[in-house]
Amino acid sequence: VGARSAAMALNNCIDLKYDKLQPRFANRPMVTGAVKPWEAILLT
């Protein structure tokens, strides 16, 4: 759980600038702002 959660949170944080441009990812929590980058880093 720890390894996978870290991997996903980090991946979504690093790819955020691309995810914001990808229509399929419009509802992702980091794209909508429901999860802030600093929160994702803290979770990582």
All heavy atoms as atom14 arrays in JSON, in Angstrom:
{
  "sequence": "VGARSAAMALNNCIDLKYDKLQPRFANRPMVTGAVKPWEAILLT",
  "atom14_mask": [
    [1, 1, 1, 1, 1, 1, 1, 0, 0, 0, 0, 0, 0, 0],
    [1, 1, 1, 1, 0, 0, 0, 0, 0, 0, 0, 0, 0, 0],
    [1, 1, 1, 1, 1, 0, 0, 0, 0, 0, 0, 0, 0, 0],
    [1, 1, 1, 1, 1, 1, 1, 1, 1, 1, 1, 0, 0, 0],
    [1, 1, 1, 1, 1, 1, 0, 0, 0, 0, 0, 0, 0, 0],
    [1, 1, 1, 1, 1, 0, 0, 0, 0, 0, 0, 0, 0, 0],
    [1, 1, 1, 1, 1, 0, 0, 0, 0, 0, 0, 0, 0, 0],
    [1, 1, 1, 1, 1, 1, 1, 1, 0, 0, 0, 0, 0, 0],
    [1, 1, 1, 1, 1, 0, 0, 0, 0, 0, 0, 0, 0, 0],
    [1, 1, 1, 1, 1, 1, 1, 1, 0, 0, 0, 0, 0, 0],
    [1, 1, 1, 1, 1, 1, 1, 1, 0, 0, 0, 0, 0, 0],
    [1, 1, 1, 1, 1, 1, 1, 1, 0, 0, 0, 0, 0, 0],
    [1, 1, 1, 1, 1, 1, 0, 0, 0, 0, 0, 0, 0, 0],
    [1, 1, 1, 1, 1, 1, 1, 1, 0, 0, 0, 0, 0, 0],
    [1, 1, 1, 1, 1, 1, 1, 1, 0, 0, 0, 0, 0, 0],
    [1, 1, 1, 1, 1, 1, 1, 1, 0, 0, 0, 0, 0, 0],
    [1, 1, 1, 1, 1, 1, 1, 1, 1, 0, 0, 0, 0, 0],
    [1, 1, 1, 1, 1, 1, 1, 1, 1, 1, 1, 1, 0, 0],
    [1, 1, 1, 1, 1, 1, 1, 1, 0, 0, 0, 0, 0, 0],
    [1, 1, 1, 1, 1, 1, 1, 1, 1, 0, 0, 0, 0, 0],
    [1, 1, 1, 1, 1, 1, 1, 1, 0, 0, 0, 0, 0, 0],
    [1, 1, 1, 1, 1, 1, 1, 1, 1, 0, 0, 0, 0, 0],
    [1, 1, 1, 1, 1, 1, 1, 0, 0, 0, 0, 0, 0, 0],
    [1, 1, 1, 1, 1, 1, 1, 1, 1, 1, 1, 0, 0, 0],
    [1, 1, 1, 1, 1, 1, 1, 1, 1, 1, 1, 0, 0, 0],
    [1, 1, 1, 1, 1, 0, 0, 0, 0, 0, 0, 0, 0, 0],
    [1, 1, 1, 1, 1, 1, 1, 1, 0, 0, 0, 0, 0, 0],
    [1, 1, 1, 1, 1, 1, 1, 1, 1, 1, 1, 0, 0, 0],
    [1, 1, 1, 1, 1, 1, 1, 0, 0, 0, 0, 0, 0, 0],
    [1, 1, 1, 1, 1, 1, 1, 1, 0, 0, 0, 0, 0, 0],
    [1, 1, 1, 1, 1, 1, 1, 0, 0, 0, 0, 0, 0, 0],
    [1, 1, 1, 1, 1, 1, 1, 0, 0, 0, 0, 0, 0, 0],
    [1, 1, 1, 1, 0, 0, 0, 0, 0, 0, 0, 0, 0, 0],
    [1, 1, 1, 1, 1, 0, 0, 0, 0, 0, 0, 0, 0, 0],
    [1, 1, 1, 1, 1, 1, 1, 0, 0, 0, 0, 0, 0, 0],
    [1, 1, 1, 1, 1, 1, 1, 1, 1, 0, 0, 0, 0, 0],
    [1, 1, 1, 1, 1, 1, 1, 0, 0, 0, 0, 0, 0, 0],
    [1, 1, 1, 1, 1, 1, 1, 1, 1, 1, 1, 1, 1, 1],
    [1, 1, 1, 1, 1, 1, 1, 1, 1, 0, 0, 0, 0, 0],
    [1, 1, 1, 1, 1, 0, 0, 0, 0, 0, 0, 0, 0, 0],
    [1, 1, 1, 1, 1, 1, 1, 1, 0, 0, 0, 0, 0, 0],
    [1, 1, 1, 1, 1, 1, 1, 1, 0, 0, 0, 0, 0, 0],
    [1, 1, 1, 1, 1, 1, 1, 1, 0, 0, 0, 0, 0, 0],
    [1, 1, 1, 1, 1, 1, 1, 0, 0, 0, 0, 0, 0, 0]
  ],
  "atom14_positions": [
    [[0.83, -1.2, 0.0], [0.0, 0.0, 0.0], [0.87, 1.25, 0.0], [0.61, 2.21, -0.73], [-0.96, 0.0, 1.21], [-1.66, 1.35, 1.34], [-1.98, -1.12, 1.08], [0.0, 0.0, 0.0], [0.0, 0.0, 0.0], [0.0, 0.0, 0.0], [0.0, 0.0, 0.0], [0.0, 0.0, 0.0], [0.0, 0.0, 0.0], [0.0, 0.0, 0.0]],
    [[1.92, 1.24, 0.81], [2.81, 2.39, 0.87], [3.51, 2.65, -0.45], [3.53, 3.79, -0.94], [0.0, 0.0, 0.0], [0.0, 0.0, 0.0], [0.0, 0.0, 0.0], [0.0, 0.0, 0.0], [0.0, 0.0, 0.0], [0.0, 0.0, 0.0], [0.0, 0.0, 0.0], [0.0, 0.0, 0.0], [0.0, 0.0, 0.0], [0.0, 0.0, 0.0]],
    [[4.08, 1.61, -1.04], [4.82, 1.78, -2.29], [3.9, 2.23, -3.42], [4.23, 3.16, -4.17], [5.51, 0.47, -2.67], [0.0, 0.0, 0.0], [0.0, 0.0, 0.0], [0.0, 0.0, 0.0], [0.0, 0.0, 0.0], [0.0, 0.0, 0.0], [0.0, 0.0, 0.0], [0.0, 0.0, 0.0], [0.0, 0.0, 0.0], [0.0, 0.0, 0.0]],
    [[2.74, 1.6, -3.53], [1.85, 1.93, -4.62], [1.25, 3.33, -4.47], [1.13, 4.09, -5.43], [0.72, 0.9, -4.72], [-0.07, 1.08, -6.0], [-1.36, 0.29, -6.01], [-2.14, 0.72, -7.16], [-2.85, 1.86, -7.19], [-2.89, 2.64, -6.14], [-3.53, 2.2, -8.29], [0.0, 0.0, 0.0], [0.0, 0.0, 0.0], [0.0, 0.0, 0.0]],
    [[0.88, 3.7, -3.24], [0.32, 5.03, -3.0], [1.35, 6.11, -3.32], [1.01, 7.13, -3.93], [-0.14, 5.15, -1.54], [-1.15, 4.21, -1.24], [0.0, 0.0, 0.0], [0.0, 0.0, 0.0], [0.0, 0.0, 0.0], [0.0, 0.0, 0.0], [0.0, 0.0, 0.0], [0.0, 0.0, 0.0], [0.0, 0.0, 0.0], [0.0, 0.0, 0.0]],
    [[2.59, 5.88, -2.93], [3.66, 6.84, -3.23], [3.84, 6.97, -4.73], [3.97, 8.09, -5.27], [4.96, 6.38, -2.57], [0.0, 0.0, 0.0], [0.0, 0.0, 0.0], [0.0, 0.0, 0.0], [0.0, 0.0, 0.0], [0.0, 0.0, 0.0], [0.0, 0.0, 0.0], [0.0, 0.0, 0.0], [0.0, 0.0, 0.0], [0.0, 0.0, 0.0]],
    [[3.85, 5.83, -5.43], [4.06, 5.85, -6.88], [2.95, 6.62, -7.6], [3.22, 7.45, -8.48], [4.13, 4.42, -7.4], [0.0, 0.0, 0.0], [0.0, 0.0, 0.0], [0.0, 0.0, 0.0], [0.0, 0.0, 0.0], [0.0, 0.0, 0.0], [0.0, 0.0, 0.0], [0.0, 0.0, 0.0], [0.0, 0.0, 0.0], [0.0, 0.0, 0.0]],
    [[1.69, 6.37, -7.23], [0.58, 7.03, -7.91], [0.52, 8.51, -7.61], [0.29, 9.34, -8.5], [-0.73, 6.36, -7.51], [-0.94, 4.98, -8.11], [-0.96, 4.99, -9.92], [-2.37, 6.04, -10.24], [0.0, 0.0, 0.0], [0.0, 0.0, 0.0], [0.0, 0.0, 0.0], [0.0, 0.0, 0.0], [0.0, 0.0, 0.0], [0.0, 0.0, 0.0]],
    [[0.71, 8.87, -6.34], [0.67, 10.29, -5.97], [1.78, 11.06, -6.66], [1.57, 12.17, -7.18], [0.78, 10.44, -4.45], [0.0, 0.0, 0.0], [0.0, 0.0, 0.0], [0.0, 0.0, 0.0], [0.0, 0.0, 0.0], [0.0, 0.0, 0.0], [0.0, 0.0, 0.0], [0.0, 0.0, 0.0], [0.0, 0.0, 0.0], [0.0, 0.0, 0.0]],
    [[2.98, 10.47, -6.7], [4.11, 11.13, -7.35], [3.89, 11.25, -8.85], [4.15, 12.3, -9.45], [5.39, 10.34, -7.06], [6.69, 10.92, -7.64], [6.97, 12.3, -7.04], [7.85, 9.97, -7.38], [0.0, 0.0, 0.0], [0.0, 0.0, 0.0], [0.0, 0.0, 0.0], [0.0, 0.0, 0.0], [0.0, 0.0, 0.0], [0.0, 0.0, 0.0]],
    [[3.41, 10.18, -9.46], [3.17, 10.18, -10.9], [2.16, 11.26, -11.29], [2.38, 12.02, -12.25], [2.66, 8.81, -11.34], [2.4, 8.75, -12.83], [3.32, 8.72, -13.64], [1.13, 8.72, -13.21], [0.0, 0.0, 0.0], [0.0, 0.0, 0.0], [0.0, 0.0, 0.0], [0.0, 0.0, 0.0], [0.0, 0.0, 0.0], [0.0, 0.0, 0.0]],
    [[1.06, 11.36, -10.55], [0.04, 12.35, -10.87], [0.53, 13.78, -10.64], [0.11, 14.71, -11.35], [-1.22, 12.09, -10.05], [-1.94, 10.83, -10.49], [-1.77, 10.36, -11.61], [-2.75, 10.26, -9.61], [0.0, 0.0, 0.0], [0.0, 0.0, 0.0], [0.0, 0.0, 0.0], [0.0, 0.0, 0.0], [0.0, 0.0, 0.0], [0.0, 0.0, 0.0]],
    [[1.4, 13.93, -9.67], [1.96, 15.26, -9.4], [2.91, 15.69, -10.52], [2.85, 16.81, -11.03], [2.69, 15.24, -8.06], [3.19, 16.88, -7.48], [0.0, 0.0, 0.0], [0.0, 0.0, 0.0], [0.0, 0.0, 0.0], [0.0, 0.0, 0.0], [0.0, 0.0, 0.0], [0.0, 0.0, 0.0], [0.0, 0.0, 0.0], [0.0, 0.0, 0.0]],
    [[3.79, 14.78, -10.93], [4.77, 15.08, -11.97], [4.1, 15.3, -13.33], [4.52, 16.14, -14.12], [5.82, 13.96, -12.05], [6.68, 13.96, -10.78], [6.7, 14.1, -13.29], [7.61, 12.78, -10.65], [0.0, 0.0, 0.0], [0.0, 0.0, 0.0], [0.0, 0.0, 0.0], [0.0, 0.0, 0.0], [0.0, 0.0, 0.0], [0.0, 0.0, 0.0]],
    [[3.04, 14.54, -13.61], [2.36, 14.63, -14.91], [1.24, 15.66, -14.94], [0.51, 15.75, -15.93], [1.77, 13.26, -15.28], [2.79, 12.34, -15.92], [3.89, 12.82, -16.24], [2.5, 11.15, -16.09], [0.0, 0.0, 0.0], [0.0, 0.0, 0.0], [0.0, 0.0, 0.0], [0.0, 0.0, 0.0], [0.0, 0.0, 0.0], [0.0, 0.0, 0.0]],
    [[1.1, 16.44, -13.9], [-0.05, 17.34, -13.79], [-0.16, 18.3, -14.97], [-1.26, 18.53, -15.48], [0.02, 18.13, -12.48], [-1.15, 19.07, -12.21], [-2.47, 18.32, -12.22], [-0.95, 19.8, -10.87], [0.0, 0.0, 0.0], [0.0, 0.0, 0.0], [0.0, 0.0, 0.0], [0.0, 0.0, 0.0], [0.0, 0.0, 0.0], [0.0, 0.0, 0.0]],
    [[0.97, 18.83, -15.43], [0.89, 19.82, -16.52], [0.36, 19.19, -17.8], [-0.28, 19.86, -18.62], [2.24, 20.47, -16.75], [3.28, 19.61, -17.43], [4.52, 20.44, -17.75], [5.55, 19.65, -18.54], [6.71, 20.5, -18.92], [0.0, 0.0, 0.0], [0.0, 0.0, 0.0], [0.0, 0.0, 0.0], [0.0, 0.0, 0.0], [0.0, 0.0, 0.0]],
    [[0.62, 17.91, -18.0], [0.09, 17.22, -19.17], [-1.35, 16.77, -18.94], [-2.18, 16.83, -19.85], [0.96, 16.01, -19.52], [2.35, 16.37, -19.97], [3.46, 16.09, -19.18], [2.57, 17.01, -21.19], [4.73, 16.43, -19.58], [3.85, 17.37, -21.61], [4.92, 17.07, -20.8], [6.19, 17.42, -21.2], [0.0, 0.0, 0.0], [0.0, 0.0, 0.0]],
    [[-1.65, 16.33, -17.74], [-3.01, 15.88, -17.43], [-4.03, 17.0, -17.6], [-5.17, 16.78, -17.98], [-3.08, 15.34, -16.0], [-2.33, 14.01, -15.84], [-1.94, 13.43, -16.87], [-2.14, 13.59, -14.69], [0.0, 0.0, 0.0], [0.0, 0.0, 0.0], [0.0, 0.0, 0.0], [0.0, 0.0, 0.0], [0.0, 0.0, 0.0], [0.0, 0.0, 0.0]],
    [[-3.6, 18.24, -17.32], [-4.5, 19.39, -17.47], [-4.85, 19.65, -18.94], [-5.87, 20.28, -19.23], [-3.86, 20.64, -16.87], [-3.84, 20.65, -15.34], [-3.23, 21.94, -14.82], [-3.32, 22.02, -13.31], [-2.7, 23.28, -12.78], [0.0, 0.0, 0.0], [0.0, 0.0, 0.0], [0.0, 0.0, 0.0], [0.0, 0.0, 0.0], [0.0, 0.0, 0.0]],
    [[-4.02, 19.14, -19.84], [-4.25, 19.34, -21.27], [-4.97, 18.17, -21.92], [-5.38, 18.26, -23.07], [-2.9, 19.56, -21.98], [-2.06, 20.74, -21.5], [-0.7, 20.72, -22.19], [-2.77, 22.05, -21.76], [0.0, 0.0, 0.0], [0.0, 0.0, 0.0], [0.0, 0.0, 0.0], [0.0, 0.0, 0.0], [0.0, 0.0, 0.0], [0.0, 0.0, 0.0]],
    [[-5.11, 17.08, -21.18], [-5.7, 15.85, -21.71], [-7.18, 15.79, -21.32], [-7.52, 15.65, -20.15], [-4.94, 14.64, -21.15], [-5.52, 13.29, -21.47], [-5.62, 12.98, -22.95], [-6.64, 13.33, -23.56], [-4.6, 12.34, -23.5], [0.0, 0.0, 0.0], [0.0, 0.0, 0.0], [0.0, 0.0, 0.0], [0.0, 0.0, 0.0], [0.0, 0.0, 0.0]],
    [[-8.09, 15.91, -22.29], [-9.54, 15.91, -21.98], [-9.99, 14.68, -21.18], [-10.91, 14.79, -20.35], [-10.2, 15.95, -23.36], [-9.18, 16.6, -24.25], [-7.85, 16.12, -23.74], [0.0, 0.0, 0.0], [0.0, 0.0, 0.0], [0.0, 0.0, 0.0], [0.0, 0.0, 0.0], [0.0, 0.0, 0.0], [0.0, 0.0, 0.0], [0.0, 0.0, 0.0]],
    [[-9.4, 13.52, -21.43], [-9.81, 12.3, -20.72], [-9.56, 12.39, -19.23], [-10.15, 11.66, -18.44], [-9.07, 11.08, -21.28], [-9.65, 10.55, -22.57], [-9.15, 9.16, -22.89], [-7.71, 9.1, -23.05], [-6.91, 8.46, -22.21], [-7.39, 7.88, -21.13], [-5.6, 8.44, -22.42], [0.0, 0.0, 0.0], [0.0, 0.0, 0.0], [0.0, 0.0, 0.0]],
    [[-8.64, 13.27, -18.83], [-8.27, 13.37, -17.42], [-8.88, 14.57, -16.72], [-8.45, 14.96, -15.64], [-6.75, 13.44, -17.28], [-6.02, 12.25, -17.87], [-4.71, 12.36, -18.3], [-6.65, 11.03, -17.99], [-4.04, 11.27, -18.83], [-5.99, 9.92, -18.53], [-4.69, 10.04, -18.96], [0.0, 0.0, 0.0], [0.0, 0.0, 0.0], [0.0, 0.0, 0.0]],
    [[-9.9, 15.14, -17.32], [-10.49, 16.38, -16.8], [-11.04, 16.23, -15.38], [-11.08, 17.2, -14.62], [-11.6, 16.86, -17.73], [0.0, 0.0, 0.0], [0.0, 0.0, 0.0], [0.0, 0.0, 0.0], [0.0, 0.0, 0.0], [0.0, 0.0, 0.0], [0.0, 0.0, 0.0], [0.0, 0.0, 0.0], [0.0, 0.0, 0.0], [0.0, 0.0, 0.0]],
    [[-11.44, 15.01, -15.02], [-12.04, 14.8, -13.69], [-11.06, 14.28, -12.66], [-11.47, 13.95, -11.54], [-13.23, 13.83, -13.82], [-14.38, 14.42, -14.61], [-14.67, 15.62, -14.5], [-15.03, 13.6, -15.41], [0.0, 0.0, 0.0], [0.0, 0.0, 0.0], [0.0, 0.0, 0.0], [0.0, 0.0, 0.0], [0.0, 0.0, 0.0], [0.0, 0.0, 0.0]],
    [[-9.81, 14.19, -13.01], [-8.84, 13.72, -12.02], [-8.72, 14.73, -10.88], [-8.75, 15.94, -11.12], [-7.46, 13.5, -12.67], [-7.39, 12.26, -13.53], [-5.98, 11.94, -13.96], [-5.91, 10.63, -14.61], [-4.79, 10.07, -15.03], [-3.63, 10.72, -14.88], [-4.8, 8.88, -15.6], [0.0, 0.0, 0.0], [0.0, 0.0, 0.0], [0.0, 0.0, 0.0]],
    [[-8.61, 14.25, -9.64], [-8.61, 15.16, -8.49], [-7.57, 16.27, -8.54], [-7.84, 17.39, -8.11], [-8.36, 14.21, -7.32], [-8.93, 12.92, -7.76], [-8.61, 12.83, -9.22], [0.0, 0.0, 0.0], [0.0, 0.0, 0.0], [0.0, 0.0, 0.0], [0.0, 0.0, 0.0], [0.0, 0.0, 0.0], [0.0, 0.0, 0.0], [0.0, 0.0, 0.0]],
    [[-6.38, 15.97, -9.07], [-5.37, 17.03, -9.12], [-5.66, 18.02, -10.24], [-5.26, 19.2, -10.15], [-3.98, 16.43, -9.29], [-3.48, 15.67, -8.06], [-1.69, 15.38, -8.05], [-1.09, 17.07, -7.8], [0.0, 0.0, 0.0], [0.0, 0.0, 0.0], [0.0, 0.0, 0.0], [0.0, 0.0, 0.0], [0.0, 0.0, 0.0], [0.0, 0.0, 0.0]],
    [[-6.33, 17.58, -11.29], [-6.7, 18.48, -12.38], [-7.81, 19.43, -11.93], [-7.79, 20.62, -12.24], [-7.15, 17.67, -13.62], [-7.67, 18.6, -14.71], [-5.99, 16.84, -14.16], [0.0, 0.0, 0.0], [0.0, 0.0, 0.0], [0.0, 0.0, 0.0], [0.0, 0.0, 0.0], [0.0, 0.0, 0.0], [0.0, 0.0, 0.0], [0.0, 0.0, 0.0]],
    [[-8.78, 18.9, -11.18], [-9.88, 19.73, -10.71], [-9.47, 20.62, -9.53], [-10.17, 21.57, -9.2], [-11.07, 18.86, -10.26], [-10.67, 18.04, -9.15], [-11.54, 17.97, -11.4], [0.0, 0.0, 0.0], [0.0, 0.0, 0.0], [0.0, 0.0, 0.0], [0.0, 0.0, 0.0], [0.0, 0.0, 0.0], [0.0, 0.0, 0.0], [0.0, 0.0, 0.0]],
    [[-8.36, 20.3, -8.9], [-7.91, 21.06, -7.74], [-8.36, 20.48, -6.41], [-8.06, 21.04, -5.35], [0.0, 0.0, 0.0], [0.0, 0.0, 0.0], [0.0, 0.0, 0.0], [0.0, 0.0, 0.0], [0.0, 0.0, 0.0], [0.0, 0.0, 0.0], [0.0, 0.0, 0.0], [0.0, 0.0, 0.0], [0.0, 0.0, 0.0], [0.0, 0.0, 0.0]],
    [[-9.05, 19.35, -6.47], [-9.5, 18.71, -5.23], [-8.32, 18.23, -4.39], [-8.39, 18.16, -3.16], [-10.43, 17.54, -5.54], [0.0, 0.0, 0.0], [0.0, 0.0, 0.0], [0.0, 0.0, 0.0], [0.0, 0.0, 0.0], [0.0, 0.0, 0.0], [0.0, 0.0, 0.0], [0.0, 0.0, 0.0], [0.0, 0.0, 0.0], [0.0, 0.0, 0.0]],
    [[-7.22, 17.91, -5.08], [-5.97, 17.55, -4.4], [-4.9, 18.53, -4.87], [-4.68, 18.68, -6.08], [-5.54, 16.1, -4.72], [-4.14, 15.82, -4.17], [-6.54, 15.11, -4.13], [0.0, 0.0, 0.0], [0.0, 0.0, 0.0], [0.0, 0.0, 0.0], [0.0, 0.0, 0.0], [0.0, 0.0, 0.0], [0.0, 0.0, 0.0], [0.0, 0.0, 0.0]],
    [[-4.26, 19.2, -3.93], [-3.23, 20.17, -4.26], [-1.88, 19.47, -4.44], [-1.64, 18.42, -3.83], [-3.11, 21.22, -3.15], [-4.42, 21.9, -2.77], [-5.0, 22.67, -3.95], [-6.29, 23.38, -3.55], [-6.94, 24.05, -4.71], [0.0, 0.0, 0.0], [0.0, 0.0, 0.0], [0.0, 0.0, 0.0], [0.0, 0.0, 0.0], [0.0, 0.0, 0.0]],
    [[-0.98, 20.02, -5.27], [0.34, 19.41, -5.46], [1.08, 19.18, -4.15], [1.7, 18.12, -3.97], [1.06, 20.42, -6.35], [-0.04, 21.06, -7.15], [-1.19, 21.16, -6.19], [0.0, 0.0, 0.0], [0.0, 0.0, 0.0], [0.0, 0.0, 0.0], [0.0, 0.0, 0.0], [0.0, 0.0, 0.0], [0.0, 0.0, 0.0], [0.0, 0.0, 0.0]],
    [[1.03, 20.13, -3.22], [1.76, 19.96, -1.96], [1.17, 18.81, -1.14], [1.9, 18.11, -0.42], [1.77, 21.26, -1.15], [0.45, 21.68, -0.55], [-0.46, 22.52, -1.1], [-0.1, 21.25, 0.7], [-1.55, 22.67, -0.27], [-1.36, 21.9, 0.85], [0.34, 20.4, 1.72], [-2.17, 21.71, 1.97], [-0.47, 20.22, 2.83], [-1.7, 20.87, 2.96]],
    [[-0.15, 18.6, -1.29], [-0.78, 17.48, -0.59], [-0.32, 16.15, -1.17], [-0.06, 15.19, -0.44], [-2.3, 17.6, -0.7], [-2.89, 18.79, 0.03], [-4.37, 18.94, -0.21], [-4.88, 18.42, -1.23], [-5.04, 19.58, 0.64], [0.0, 0.0, 0.0], [0.0, 0.0, 0.0], [0.0, 0.0, 0.0], [0.0, 0.0, 0.0], [0.0, 0.0, 0.0]],
    [[-0.2, 16.11, -2.49], [0.26, 14.89, -3.15], [1.71, 14.57, -2.76], [2.07, 13.41, -2.54], [0.15, 15.03, -4.66], [0.0, 0.0, 0.0], [0.0, 0.0, 0.0], [0.0, 0.0, 0.0], [0.0, 0.0, 0.0], [0.0, 0.0, 0.0], [0.0, 0.0, 0.0], [0.0, 0.0, 0.0], [0.0, 0.0, 0.0], [0.0, 0.0, 0.0]],
    [[2.54, 15.61, -2.66], [3.93, 15.41, -2.27], [4.0, 14.92, -0.82], [4.78, 14.02, -0.49], [4.73, 16.72, -2.44], [4.85, 17.06, -3.93], [6.12, 16.59, -1.81], [5.45, 18.42, -4.21], [0.0, 0.0, 0.0], [0.0, 0.0, 0.0], [0.0, 0.0, 0.0], [0.0, 0.0, 0.0], [0.0, 0.0, 0.0], [0.0, 0.0, 0.0]],
    [[3.18, 15.51, 0.03], [3.15, 15.08, 1.44], [2.7, 13.62, 1.54], [3.29, 12.84, 2.31], [2.2, 15.98, 2.23], [2.21, 15.8, 3.75], [3.58, 16.11, 4.33], [1.15, 16.7, 4.39], [0.0, 0.0, 0.0], [0.0, 0.0, 0.0], [0.0, 0.0, 0.0], [0.0, 0.0, 0.0], [0.0, 0.0, 0.0], [0.0, 0.0, 0.0]],
    [[1.7, 13.24, 0.76], [1.23, 11.85, 0.76], [2.31, 10.92, 0.24], [2.49, 9.81, 0.75], [-0.03, 11.72, -0.09], [-0.61, 10.3, -0.21], [-0.99, 9.74, 1.17], [-1.8, 10.26, -1.15], [0.0, 0.0, 0.0], [0.0, 0.0, 0.0], [0.0, 0.0, 0.0], [0.0, 0.0, 0.0], [0.0, 0.0, 0.0], [0.0, 0.0, 0.0]],
    [[3.05, 11.37, -0.78], [4.14, 10.56, -1.32], [5.18, 10.28, -0.25], [5.62, 9.13, -0.07], [4.81, 11.29, -2.51], [3.86, 11.48, -3.55], [5.98, 10.47, -3.05], [0.0, 0.0, 0.0], [0.0, 0.0, 0.0], [0.0, 0.0, 0.0], [0.0, 0.0, 0.0], [0.0, 0.0, 0.0], [0.0, 0.0, 0.0], [0.0, 0.0, 0.0]]
  ]
}
